[in-house]
Amino acid sequence: MSDPVSDPAQKQDLPPGVTVPMDVRGIMHTLPHRYPMLLIDRVLEVQRKKRIVAIKNVTANEPFFSGHFPGNPVMPGVLVIEAMAQAGGALLFTEIAEREKMVILFTSIERAKFRRPVVPGDQLRIEVEVLVWRYTAAKMSCRGTVDGQLAAEAVVSCQVVPRALVEG
């Protein structure tokens, strides 16, 4: 497997302004999400309209751990799915020129399965493969692993819509 940072072919294949690896500043430039809902910390790999690999570093400081569950912190499954969807959204948004005028919305979640808990100290590796690609919508197969073990999987769909439609 080639190194996406040093592979000139991949650099040329990325949209203008998109670099890999992408740190949290690059992610916040791409996605509209912010604390406490920004759930990916780094993007390791991007293949336009095909694949993205991202990382979520799970820390004990996450706000949801105080109530889920006291004395036995477990990342809520819906937030694991959200992290996977955000990675897919980052892939979709890299293709949108005026993304500051747009928002990305879930349209479906299918076949979600949780295989092991995600807990503080884990690094969740998120791999998203595109199943269907349209300019402002995508259906993607997502997998989240911790230390090579499958933690969660799902098929998610999302769509990019003008921000004005959801702001009323």
N, C-alpha and C. Protein backbone atom coordinates (compact mmCIF):
# COMPACT_ATOMS: atom_id res chain seq x y z
N MET A 1 0.85 -1.18 0.00
CA MET A 1 0.00 0.00 0.00
C MET A 1 0.89 1.24 0.00
N SER A 2 0.59 2.20 -0.83
CA SER A 2 1.41 3.40 -0.91
C SER A 2 1.08 4.37 0.22
N ASP A 3 2.03 5.21 0.52
CA ASP A 3 1.86 6.24 1.54
C ASP A 3 1.08 7.39 0.92
N PRO A 4 -0.16 7.70 1.41
CA PRO A 4 -0.97 8.73 0.78
C PRO A 4 -0.36 10.12 0.86
N VAL A 5 0.58 10.34 1.79
CA VAL A 5 1.19 11.66 1.90
C VAL A 5 2.25 11.85 0.83
N SER A 6 3.06 10.81 0.58
CA SER A 6 4.17 10.96 -0.35
C SER A 6 3.83 10.50 -1.76
N ASP A 7 2.68 9.91 -1.96
CA ASP A 7 2.28 9.44 -3.28
C ASP A 7 1.79 10.62 -4.12
N PRO A 8 2.61 11.08 -5.09
CA PRO A 8 2.21 12.25 -5.87
C PRO A 8 0.93 12.05 -6.66
N ALA A 9 0.66 10.81 -7.09
CA ALA A 9 -0.57 10.56 -7.84
C ALA A 9 -1.79 10.84 -6.98
N GLN A 10 -1.74 10.44 -5.71
CA GLN A 10 -2.88 10.70 -4.85
C GLN A 10 -2.99 12.19 -4.54
N LYS A 11 -1.87 12.88 -4.33
CA LYS A 11 -1.92 14.31 -4.08
C LYS A 11 -2.62 15.02 -5.23
N GLN A 12 -2.31 14.64 -6.47
CA GLN A 12 -2.91 15.28 -7.63
C GLN A 12 -4.38 14.92 -7.76
N ASP A 13 -4.78 13.77 -7.23
CA ASP A 13 -6.15 13.31 -7.37
C ASP A 13 -7.10 13.96 -6.37
N LEU A 14 -6.57 14.64 -5.34
CA LEU A 14 -7.43 15.25 -4.34
C LEU A 14 -7.93 16.60 -4.81
N PRO A 15 -9.13 16.98 -4.36
CA PRO A 15 -9.67 18.30 -4.74
C PRO A 15 -8.78 19.42 -4.20
N PRO A 16 -8.83 20.59 -4.80
CA PRO A 16 -8.03 21.73 -4.32
C PRO A 16 -8.31 22.00 -2.84
N GLY A 17 -7.26 22.22 -2.07
CA GLY A 17 -7.39 22.54 -0.66
C GLY A 17 -7.49 21.34 0.26
N VAL A 18 -7.54 20.12 -0.29
CA VAL A 18 -7.64 18.91 0.54
C VAL A 18 -6.27 18.25 0.59
N THR A 19 -5.75 18.07 1.79
CA THR A 19 -4.48 17.39 1.97
C THR A 19 -4.65 16.22 2.93
N VAL A 20 -3.81 15.22 2.77
CA VAL A 20 -3.84 14.03 3.62
C VAL A 20 -2.43 13.80 4.12
N PRO A 21 -2.21 13.50 5.42
CA PRO A 21 -3.25 13.38 6.42
C PRO A 21 -3.89 14.72 6.73
N MET A 22 -5.13 14.67 7.21
CA MET A 22 -5.89 15.87 7.56
C MET A 22 -6.00 15.91 9.07
N ASP A 23 -5.51 16.99 9.68
CA ASP A 23 -5.64 17.13 11.13
C ASP A 23 -7.00 17.73 11.47
N VAL A 24 -7.23 17.98 12.75
CA VAL A 24 -8.55 18.45 13.18
C VAL A 24 -8.89 19.81 12.56
N ARG A 25 -7.89 20.65 12.31
CA ARG A 25 -8.19 21.94 11.65
C ARG A 25 -8.70 21.72 10.25
N GLY A 26 -8.10 20.80 9.52
CA GLY A 26 -8.57 20.47 8.17
C GLY A 26 -9.96 19.86 8.20
N ILE A 27 -10.20 19.02 9.21
CA ILE A 27 -11.53 18.41 9.35
C ILE A 27 -12.57 19.50 9.61
N MET A 28 -12.25 20.45 10.50
CA MET A 28 -13.21 21.53 10.80
C MET A 28 -13.38 22.47 9.61
N HIS A 29 -12.39 22.53 8.74
CA HIS A 29 -12.54 23.31 7.50
C HIS A 29 -13.49 22.58 6.54
N THR A 30 -13.52 21.26 6.64
CA THR A 30 -14.33 20.45 5.74
C THR A 30 -15.74 20.22 6.27
N LEU A 31 -15.86 19.87 7.55
CA LEU A 31 -17.16 19.57 8.16
C LEU A 31 -17.68 20.74 8.98
N PRO A 32 -18.99 20.90 9.10
CA PRO A 32 -19.55 21.96 9.94
C PRO A 32 -19.60 21.59 11.43
N HIS A 33 -19.31 20.36 11.79
CA HIS A 33 -19.41 19.90 13.18
C HIS A 33 -18.36 20.56 14.07
N ARG A 34 -18.74 20.80 15.33
CA ARG A 34 -17.85 21.37 16.33
C ARG A 34 -18.08 20.65 17.65
N TYR A 35 -17.19 20.90 18.62
CA TYR A 35 -17.33 20.31 19.95
C TYR A 35 -18.72 20.63 20.50
N PRO A 36 -19.38 19.68 21.10
CA PRO A 36 -18.96 18.32 21.41
C PRO A 36 -19.35 17.29 20.36
N MET A 37 -19.80 17.73 19.19
CA MET A 37 -20.29 16.77 18.19
C MET A 37 -19.29 16.42 17.10
N LEU A 38 -18.12 17.04 17.09
CA LEU A 38 -17.10 16.63 16.12
C LEU A 38 -16.46 15.36 16.65
N LEU A 39 -16.64 14.25 15.94
CA LEU A 39 -16.25 12.95 16.46
C LEU A 39 -15.16 12.25 15.65
N ILE A 40 -14.46 12.98 14.79
CA ILE A 40 -13.25 12.42 14.17
C ILE A 40 -12.11 13.40 14.41
N ASP A 41 -10.93 12.84 14.63
CA ASP A 41 -9.76 13.64 14.99
C ASP A 41 -8.72 13.75 13.88
N ARG A 42 -8.71 12.80 12.98
CA ARG A 42 -7.67 12.78 11.95
C ARG A 42 -8.17 11.97 10.76
N VAL A 43 -7.81 12.39 9.57
CA VAL A 43 -8.08 11.62 8.36
C VAL A 43 -6.74 11.13 7.84
N LEU A 44 -6.63 9.83 7.68
CA LEU A 44 -5.37 9.21 7.25
C LEU A 44 -5.29 8.97 5.75
N GLU A 45 -6.43 8.72 5.14
CA GLU A 45 -6.43 8.33 3.74
C GLU A 45 -7.70 8.83 3.06
N VAL A 46 -7.56 9.31 1.84
CA VAL A 46 -8.71 9.71 1.03
C VAL A 46 -8.48 9.22 -0.39
N GLN A 47 -9.45 8.50 -0.91
CA GLN A 47 -9.49 8.18 -2.33
C GLN A 47 -10.80 8.77 -2.84
N ARG A 48 -10.69 9.79 -3.65
CA ARG A 48 -11.87 10.53 -4.09
C ARG A 48 -13.02 9.63 -4.51
N LYS A 49 -14.19 9.92 -3.91
CA LYS A 49 -15.44 9.26 -4.25
C LYS A 49 -15.42 7.75 -4.03
N LYS A 50 -14.41 7.26 -3.29
CA LYS A 50 -14.28 5.82 -3.09
C LYS A 50 -14.11 5.41 -1.64
N ARG A 51 -13.20 6.09 -0.92
CA ARG A 51 -12.80 5.57 0.39
C ARG A 51 -12.19 6.67 1.25
N ILE A 52 -12.40 6.53 2.57
CA ILE A 52 -11.75 7.41 3.53
C ILE A 52 -11.44 6.58 4.78
N VAL A 53 -10.32 6.90 5.41
CA VAL A 53 -9.94 6.27 6.67
C VAL A 53 -9.70 7.40 7.66
N ALA A 54 -10.37 7.31 8.81
CA ALA A 54 -10.27 8.37 9.83
C ALA A 54 -10.06 7.73 11.20
N ILE A 55 -9.65 8.57 12.13
CA ILE A 55 -9.38 8.14 13.50
C ILE A 55 -10.21 8.97 14.48
N LYS A 56 -10.75 8.29 15.49
CA LYS A 56 -11.38 8.95 16.63
C LYS A 56 -10.62 8.48 17.87
N ASN A 57 -9.92 9.40 18.54
CA ASN A 57 -9.26 9.08 19.79
C ASN A 57 -10.27 9.25 20.91
N VAL A 58 -10.59 8.18 21.59
CA VAL A 58 -11.63 8.19 22.62
C VAL A 58 -10.96 8.46 23.96
N THR A 59 -11.36 9.57 24.60
CA THR A 59 -10.75 9.93 25.88
C THR A 59 -11.80 9.93 26.98
N ALA A 60 -11.32 9.83 28.21
CA ALA A 60 -12.21 9.86 29.37
C ALA A 60 -12.89 11.21 29.53
N ASN A 61 -12.41 12.24 28.83
CA ASN A 61 -12.98 13.59 28.92
C ASN A 61 -14.22 13.79 28.07
N GLU A 62 -14.63 12.79 27.30
CA GLU A 62 -15.81 12.94 26.45
C GLU A 62 -17.02 13.21 27.34
N PRO A 63 -17.86 14.19 27.00
CA PRO A 63 -18.97 14.56 27.88
C PRO A 63 -19.99 13.45 28.11
N PHE A 64 -20.16 12.54 27.17
CA PHE A 64 -21.17 11.50 27.31
C PHE A 64 -20.79 10.43 28.33
N PHE A 65 -19.51 10.31 28.67
CA PHE A 65 -19.10 9.26 29.60
C PHE A 65 -19.61 9.47 31.02
N SER A 66 -19.91 10.70 31.41
CA SER A 66 -20.39 10.92 32.77
C SER A 66 -21.73 10.23 33.02
N GLY A 67 -22.50 10.01 31.99
CA GLY A 67 -23.80 9.36 32.17
C GLY A 67 -23.93 8.03 31.45
N HIS A 68 -22.90 7.60 30.71
CA HIS A 68 -23.00 6.37 29.90
C HIS A 68 -21.74 5.55 30.05
N PHE A 69 -21.50 4.87 31.03
CA PHE A 69 -22.26 4.62 32.24
C PHE A 69 -21.34 4.92 33.42
N PRO A 70 -21.84 5.52 34.48
CA PRO A 70 -20.98 5.83 35.64
C PRO A 70 -20.27 4.57 36.15
N GLY A 71 -18.94 4.66 36.24
CA GLY A 71 -18.15 3.52 36.70
C GLY A 71 -17.83 2.50 35.62
N ASN A 72 -18.48 2.58 34.48
CA ASN A 72 -18.25 1.65 33.36
C ASN A 72 -18.46 2.40 32.04
N PRO A 73 -17.57 3.36 31.72
CA PRO A 73 -17.79 4.21 30.55
C PRO A 73 -17.73 3.44 29.23
N VAL A 74 -18.78 3.62 28.42
CA VAL A 74 -18.88 3.01 27.10
C VAL A 74 -19.36 4.09 26.13
N MET A 75 -18.69 4.24 25.01
CA MET A 75 -19.13 5.20 23.99
C MET A 75 -20.46 4.72 23.43
N PRO A 76 -21.50 5.57 23.47
CA PRO A 76 -22.80 5.16 22.93
C PRO A 76 -22.69 4.72 21.47
N GLY A 77 -23.37 3.63 21.15
CA GLY A 77 -23.34 3.11 19.79
C GLY A 77 -23.77 4.12 18.75
N VAL A 78 -24.75 4.95 19.08
CA VAL A 78 -25.20 5.95 18.11
C VAL A 78 -24.08 6.95 17.81
N LEU A 79 -23.19 7.20 18.77
CA LEU A 79 -22.08 8.12 18.53
C LEU A 79 -20.96 7.45 17.74
N VAL A 80 -20.81 6.14 17.88
CA VAL A 80 -19.87 5.40 17.03
C VAL A 80 -20.35 5.50 15.59
N ILE A 81 -21.66 5.29 15.38
CA ILE A 81 -22.24 5.41 14.03
C ILE A 81 -22.08 6.85 13.52
N GLU A 82 -22.31 7.84 14.39
CA GLU A 82 -22.14 9.24 14.01
C GLU A 82 -20.70 9.51 13.59
N ALA A 83 -19.72 8.97 14.30
CA ALA A 83 -18.32 9.16 13.93
C ALA A 83 -18.05 8.56 12.54
N MET A 84 -18.62 7.40 12.27
CA MET A 84 -18.45 6.78 10.95
C MET A 84 -19.12 7.64 9.87
N ALA A 85 -20.30 8.16 10.18
CA ALA A 85 -21.01 9.01 9.22
C ALA A 85 -20.24 10.31 8.98
N GLN A 86 -19.62 10.87 10.02
CA GLN A 86 -18.83 12.09 9.84
C GLN A 86 -17.64 11.83 8.93
N ALA A 87 -17.01 10.67 9.06
CA ALA A 87 -15.91 10.34 8.16
C ALA A 87 -16.43 10.28 6.72
N GLY A 88 -17.56 9.62 6.51
CA GLY A 88 -18.16 9.58 5.18
C GLY A 88 -18.56 10.97 4.70
N GLY A 89 -19.07 11.79 5.62
CA GLY A 89 -19.42 13.16 5.27
C GLY A 89 -18.20 13.98 4.87
N ALA A 90 -17.09 13.74 5.53
CA ALA A 90 -15.85 14.44 5.16
C ALA A 90 -15.45 14.07 3.74
N LEU A 91 -15.62 12.81 3.38
CA LEU A 91 -15.32 12.38 2.02
C LEU A 91 -16.24 13.08 1.03
N LEU A 92 -17.53 13.09 1.32
CA LEU A 92 -18.51 13.73 0.44
C LEU A 92 -18.25 15.23 0.34
N PHE A 93 -18.00 15.87 1.48
CA PHE A 93 -17.80 17.32 1.50
C PHE A 93 -16.53 17.77 0.79
N THR A 94 -15.53 16.89 0.67
CA THR A 94 -14.33 17.30 -0.07
C THR A 94 -14.64 17.60 -1.53
N GLU A 95 -15.77 17.10 -2.01
CA GLU A 95 -16.16 17.32 -3.41
C GLU A 95 -17.09 18.52 -3.60
N ILE A 96 -17.50 19.16 -2.51
CA ILE A 96 -18.44 20.28 -2.57
C ILE A 96 -17.67 21.59 -2.49
N ALA A 97 -17.79 22.41 -3.53
CA ALA A 97 -17.01 23.66 -3.59
C ALA A 97 -17.44 24.68 -2.54
N GLU A 98 -18.72 24.92 -2.39
CA GLU A 98 -19.21 25.96 -1.46
C GLU A 98 -19.80 25.31 -0.21
N ARG A 99 -19.01 24.48 0.46
CA ARG A 99 -19.51 23.72 1.60
C ARG A 99 -19.94 24.57 2.77
N GLU A 100 -19.43 25.80 2.88
CA GLU A 100 -19.87 26.68 3.98
C GLU A 100 -21.34 27.06 3.84
N LYS A 101 -21.91 26.89 2.65
CA LYS A 101 -23.32 27.18 2.42
C LYS A 101 -24.18 25.93 2.50
N MET A 102 -23.54 24.79 2.84
CA MET A 102 -24.23 23.52 2.82
C MET A 102 -24.16 22.83 4.19
N VAL A 103 -25.02 21.84 4.38
CA VAL A 103 -25.00 21.00 5.57
C VAL A 103 -25.24 19.57 5.09
N ILE A 104 -24.68 18.62 5.82
CA ILE A 104 -24.85 17.22 5.45
C ILE A 104 -25.80 16.56 6.45
N LEU A 105 -26.75 15.80 5.93
CA LEU A 105 -27.76 15.15 6.77
C LEU A 105 -27.76 13.65 6.54
N PHE A 106 -27.95 12.88 7.63
CA PHE A 106 -28.21 11.45 7.53
C PHE A 106 -29.51 11.25 6.77
N THR A 107 -29.57 10.27 5.90
CA THR A 107 -30.85 9.90 5.30
C THR A 107 -31.24 8.48 5.65
N SER A 108 -30.25 7.63 6.00
CA SER A 108 -30.58 6.29 6.48
C SER A 108 -29.39 5.63 7.16
N ILE A 109 -29.71 4.70 8.04
CA ILE A 109 -28.73 3.83 8.67
C ILE A 109 -29.28 2.42 8.52
N GLU A 110 -28.48 1.53 7.95
CA GLU A 110 -28.91 0.16 7.72
C GLU A 110 -27.89 -0.81 8.32
N ARG A 111 -28.36 -1.96 8.71
CA ARG A 111 -27.52 -3.07 9.15
C ARG A 111 -26.48 -2.67 10.19
N ALA A 112 -26.84 -1.81 11.12
CA ALA A 112 -25.91 -1.43 12.19
C ALA A 112 -25.72 -2.60 13.14
N LYS A 113 -24.47 -2.91 13.42
CA LYS A 113 -24.15 -3.99 14.36
C LYS A 113 -22.99 -3.52 15.23
N PHE A 114 -23.08 -3.84 16.51
CA PHE A 114 -22.05 -3.47 17.47
C PHE A 114 -21.41 -4.75 17.98
N ARG A 115 -20.09 -4.85 17.83
CA ARG A 115 -19.38 -6.10 18.10
C ARG A 115 -18.58 -6.07 19.40
N ARG A 116 -18.13 -4.90 19.82
CA ARG A 116 -17.39 -4.75 21.07
C ARG A 116 -17.55 -3.32 21.54
N PRO A 117 -17.48 -3.09 22.86
CA PRO A 117 -17.61 -1.72 23.36
C PRO A 117 -16.40 -0.87 22.99
N VAL A 118 -16.65 0.42 22.82
CA VAL A 118 -15.58 1.40 22.61
C VAL A 118 -15.49 2.19 23.91
N VAL A 119 -14.30 2.19 24.51
CA VAL A 119 -14.12 2.75 25.85
C VAL A 119 -12.98 3.77 25.87
N PRO A 120 -12.89 4.58 26.93
CA PRO A 120 -11.79 5.55 27.02
C PRO A 120 -10.44 4.87 26.83
N GLY A 121 -9.58 5.52 26.08
CA GLY A 121 -8.26 4.99 25.76
C GLY A 121 -8.21 4.29 24.43
N ASP A 122 -9.37 3.94 23.87
CA ASP A 122 -9.40 3.28 22.56
C ASP A 122 -9.13 4.29 21.45
N GLN A 123 -8.56 3.78 20.36
CA GLN A 123 -8.46 4.56 19.14
C GLN A 123 -9.35 3.84 18.13
N LEU A 124 -10.43 4.51 17.75
CA LEU A 124 -11.40 3.94 16.81
C LEU A 124 -10.93 4.27 15.39
N ARG A 125 -10.61 3.24 14.63
CA ARG A 125 -10.21 3.42 13.23
C ARG A 125 -11.46 3.21 12.39
N ILE A 126 -11.78 4.21 11.60
CA ILE A 126 -13.00 4.21 10.81
C ILE A 126 -12.64 4.08 9.33
N GLU A 127 -13.19 3.06 8.70
CA GLU A 127 -12.97 2.85 7.27
C GLU A 127 -14.32 2.91 6.57
N VAL A 128 -14.40 3.78 5.59
CA VAL A 128 -15.65 3.99 4.86
C VAL A 128 -15.41 3.71 3.39
N GLU A 129 -16.23 2.85 2.82
CA GLU A 129 -16.18 2.51 1.39
C GLU A 129 -17.47 2.98 0.73
N VAL A 130 -17.37 3.68 -0.37
CA VAL A 130 -18.54 4.18 -1.08
C VAL A 130 -19.21 3.04 -1.84
N LEU A 131 -20.51 2.91 -1.65
CA LEU A 131 -21.31 1.94 -2.41
C LEU A 131 -21.99 2.62 -3.59
N VAL A 132 -22.55 3.82 -3.34
CA VAL A 132 -23.22 4.61 -4.38
C VAL A 132 -22.77 6.06 -4.20
N TRP A 133 -22.39 6.71 -5.30
CA TRP A 133 -21.93 8.10 -5.24
C TRP A 133 -22.75 8.94 -6.21
N ARG A 134 -23.30 10.03 -5.68
CA ARG A 134 -23.90 11.07 -6.51
C ARG A 134 -23.30 12.38 -6.04
N TYR A 135 -23.42 13.43 -6.80
CA TYR A 135 -22.75 14.69 -6.47
C TYR A 135 -23.05 15.16 -5.05
N THR A 136 -24.30 15.10 -4.62
CA THR A 136 -24.65 15.60 -3.28
C THR A 136 -25.21 14.52 -2.37
N ALA A 137 -24.97 13.25 -2.69
CA ALA A 137 -25.47 12.17 -1.84
C ALA A 137 -24.56 10.96 -1.99
N ALA A 138 -24.56 10.13 -0.96
CA ALA A 138 -23.77 8.91 -1.01
C ALA A 138 -24.35 7.85 -0.09
N LYS A 139 -24.10 6.60 -0.44
CA LYS A 139 -24.40 5.45 0.41
C LYS A 139 -23.07 4.76 0.64
N MET A 140 -22.74 4.51 1.92
CA MET A 140 -21.41 4.05 2.26
C MET A 140 -21.44 2.90 3.27
N SER A 141 -20.54 1.97 3.10
CA SER A 141 -20.33 0.89 4.04
C SER A 141 -19.25 1.33 5.02
N CYS A 142 -19.55 1.26 6.32
CA CYS A 142 -18.64 1.77 7.35
C CYS A 142 -18.26 0.67 8.33
N ARG A 143 -17.00 0.70 8.73
CA ARG A 143 -16.49 -0.23 9.75
C ARG A 143 -15.65 0.55 10.74
N GLY A 144 -15.84 0.26 12.01
CA GLY A 144 -15.02 0.85 13.05
C GLY A 144 -14.29 -0.26 13.79
N THR A 145 -12.98 -0.15 13.89
CA THR A 145 -12.19 -1.17 14.58
C THR A 145 -11.37 -0.54 15.68
N VAL A 146 -11.06 -1.36 16.69
CA VAL A 146 -10.17 -0.97 17.77
C VAL A 146 -9.13 -2.08 17.89
N ASP A 147 -7.87 -1.71 17.75
CA ASP A 147 -6.79 -2.70 17.82
C ASP A 147 -7.04 -3.88 16.89
N GLY A 148 -7.55 -3.59 15.70
CA GLY A 148 -7.80 -4.62 14.70
C GLY A 148 -9.07 -5.43 14.91
N GLN A 149 -9.78 -5.19 16.00
CA GLN A 149 -11.03 -5.91 16.27
C GLN A 149 -12.22 -5.07 15.82
N LEU A 150 -13.15 -5.69 15.13
CA LEU A 150 -14.35 -4.99 14.68
C LEU A 150 -15.18 -4.55 15.88
N ALA A 151 -15.45 -3.25 15.97
CA ALA A 151 -16.27 -2.70 17.05
C ALA A 151 -17.69 -2.43 16.57
N ALA A 152 -17.83 -1.93 15.35
CA ALA A 152 -19.16 -1.60 14.82
C ALA A 152 -19.09 -1.56 13.30
N GLU A 153 -20.26 -1.77 12.70
CA GLU A 153 -20.37 -1.67 11.25
C GLU A 153 -21.78 -1.22 10.91
N ALA A 154 -21.91 -0.55 9.78
CA ALA A 154 -23.22 -0.09 9.33
C ALA A 154 -23.11 0.39 7.89
N VAL A 155 -24.24 0.50 7.26
CA VAL A 155 -24.34 1.15 5.96
C VAL A 155 -25.10 2.45 6.21
N VAL A 156 -24.50 3.56 5.85
CA VAL A 156 -25.14 4.86 6.08
C VAL A 156 -25.32 5.59 4.75
N SER A 157 -26.36 6.38 4.69
CA SER A 157 -26.59 7.25 3.54
C SER A 157 -26.71 8.67 4.04
N CYS A 158 -26.24 9.60 3.25
CA CYS A 158 -26.33 11.01 3.62
C CYS A 158 -26.50 11.85 2.36
N GLN A 159 -26.94 13.08 2.61
CA GLN A 159 -27.17 14.00 1.51
C GLN A 159 -26.73 15.39 1.92
N VAL A 160 -26.16 16.13 0.98
CA VAL A 160 -25.77 17.51 1.21
C VAL A 160 -26.90 18.40 0.71
N VAL A 161 -27.36 19.31 1.59
CA VAL A 161 -28.43 20.23 1.23
C VAL A 161 -28.01 21.65 1.58
N PRO A 162 -28.62 22.65 0.94
CA PRO A 162 -28.30 24.03 1.31
C PRO A 162 -28.63 24.30 2.76
N ARG A 163 -27.74 24.98 3.45
CA ARG A 163 -27.89 25.32 4.87
C ARG A 163 -29.21 26.08 5.09
N ALA A 164 -29.60 26.90 4.15
CA ALA A 164 -30.82 27.70 4.28
C ALA A 164 -32.06 26.83 4.44
N LEU A 165 -32.06 25.62 3.88
CA LEU A 165 -33.21 24.72 4.01
C LEU A 165 -33.41 24.21 5.42
N VAL A 166 -32.33 24.04 6.18
CA VAL A 166 -32.47 23.53 7.55
C VAL A 166 -32.49 24.65 8.58
N GLU A 167 -32.07 25.85 8.21
CA GLU A 167 -32.09 26.97 9.15
C GLU A 167 -33.42 27.70 9.12
N GLY A 168 -34.26 27.37 8.14
CA GLY A 168 -35.60 27.92 8.10
C GLY A 168 -35.65 29.25 7.54
